[in-house]
Amino acid sequence: MTIVKVKWNQSKCPTPFACKKCLQICPQAVFRVDCVKTERFKETDPNEPNVYVIIPFYVSECVACNKCVEVCPNGALKIKIKEPTPAPEATAKA
């Protein structure tokens, strides 16, 4: 089973809610945006840095098409693919 890891760098993408390009292009809808700063009775500004975060929530659905990496204007996304190591064949002497 191939293992896909998706990493998002917040320092390169401080306002993901304002951009959302990775969310729009992902064919598997792997990402979601969460608000990490809320104030009662006040709307959160999508252009305020570090208020929203990208979470690769459904990473198990990722097909590693790299579209999100290619569309990101800041280079904030990285995808790593780890192929499984084959199990050593058991050799039995008869």
Protein backbone atom coordinates (compact mmCIF):
# COMPACT_ATOMS: atom_id res chain seq x y z
CA MET A 1 0.00 0.00 0.00
CA THR A 2 1.41 3.37 -1.05
CA ILE A 3 1.56 5.98 1.69
CA VAL A 4 1.05 9.64 0.76
CA LYS A 5 2.04 12.45 3.11
CA VAL A 6 0.89 16.00 2.49
CA LYS A 7 2.58 18.87 4.34
CA TRP A 8 1.43 22.47 4.45
CA ASN A 9 3.80 25.29 5.50
CA GLN A 10 1.89 28.07 7.25
CA SER A 11 4.80 30.50 7.09
CA LYS A 12 4.61 30.37 3.27
CA CYS A 13 0.80 30.59 3.20
CA PRO A 14 -0.43 32.87 6.01
CA THR A 15 -3.82 33.61 4.41
CA PRO A 16 -5.12 30.33 2.91
CA PHE A 17 -8.79 31.34 3.12
CA ALA A 18 -8.13 34.28 0.81
CA CYS A 19 -6.41 32.07 -1.79
CA LYS A 20 -8.02 28.59 -1.63
CA LYS A 21 -6.41 27.51 -4.92
CA CYS A 22 -5.37 24.13 -3.52
CA LEU A 23 -8.90 23.47 -2.28
CA GLN A 24 -10.41 24.36 -5.62
CA ILE A 25 -8.09 22.25 -7.77
CA CYS A 26 -7.89 19.09 -5.65
CA PRO A 27 -9.93 16.37 -7.42
CA GLN A 28 -10.20 14.32 -4.21
CA ALA A 29 -11.16 17.20 -1.86
CA VAL A 30 -8.32 16.30 0.49
CA PHE A 31 -8.08 19.71 2.17
CA ARG A 32 -10.20 21.70 4.52
CA VAL A 33 -9.72 25.19 5.99
CA ASP A 34 -10.20 25.77 9.68
CA CYS A 35 -10.37 29.02 11.60
CA VAL A 36 -8.04 29.07 14.59
CA LYS A 37 -8.95 32.52 15.91
CA THR A 38 -12.51 33.57 16.61
CA GLU A 39 -14.04 36.47 18.48
CA ARG A 40 -17.61 36.56 19.68
CA PHE A 41 -19.97 38.58 17.51
CA LYS A 42 -17.21 39.48 15.06
CA GLU A 43 -16.65 38.10 11.57
CA THR A 44 -13.17 36.72 11.01
CA ASP A 45 -11.19 38.54 8.31
CA PRO A 46 -10.02 36.03 5.66
CA ASN A 47 -7.07 38.31 4.79
CA GLU A 48 -5.72 38.44 8.35
CA PRO A 49 -2.52 36.36 8.53
CA ASN A 50 -2.44 33.13 10.55
CA VAL A 51 -6.16 33.10 11.32
CA TYR A 52 -6.97 30.16 9.03
CA VAL A 53 -5.08 26.93 8.49
CA ILE A 54 -5.12 24.31 5.74
CA ILE A 55 -5.58 20.78 7.00
CA PRO A 56 -4.96 17.81 4.71
CA PHE A 57 -7.86 16.09 6.45
CA TYR A 58 -8.63 13.35 3.94
CA VAL A 59 -5.02 12.51 3.11
CA SER A 60 -5.97 8.85 2.68
CA GLU A 61 -7.93 9.94 -0.41
CA CYS A 62 -4.94 11.74 -1.97
CA VAL A 63 -3.88 10.29 -5.32
CA ALA A 64 -0.65 12.35 -5.42
CA CYS A 65 -1.60 14.11 -8.65
CA ASN A 66 0.48 17.13 -7.51
CA LYS A 67 -2.10 19.64 -8.78
CA CYS A 68 -2.19 21.40 -5.40
CA VAL A 69 1.60 21.71 -5.35
CA GLU A 70 1.65 23.10 -8.89
CA VAL A 71 -1.13 25.66 -8.33
CA CYS A 72 0.17 27.02 -5.00
CA PRO A 73 1.64 30.47 -5.68
CA ASN A 74 3.79 30.33 -2.52
CA GLY A 75 5.13 26.78 -2.66
CA ALA A 76 3.50 25.98 0.68
CA LEU A 77 2.50 22.39 -0.13
CA LYS A 78 4.69 19.33 -0.42
CA ILE A 79 3.66 15.76 -1.22
CA LYS A 80 5.79 12.76 -0.31
CA ILE A 81 5.07 9.30 -1.61
CA LYS A 82 6.42 6.30 0.21
CA GLU A 83 6.26 3.03 -1.63
CA PRO A 84 5.96 -0.05 0.52
CA THR A 85 9.07 -2.13 0.91
CA PRO A 86 8.55 -5.61 -0.41
CA ALA A 87 8.57 -8.35 2.18
CA PRO A 88 11.56 -10.62 1.94
CA GLU A 89 10.68 -13.93 0.45
CA ALA A 90 10.85 -16.80 2.84
CA THR A 91 13.19 -19.44 1.61
CA ALA A 92 12.59 -22.84 3.08
CA LYS A 93 14.90 -25.76 2.53
CA ALA A 94 13.21 -29.07 2.05
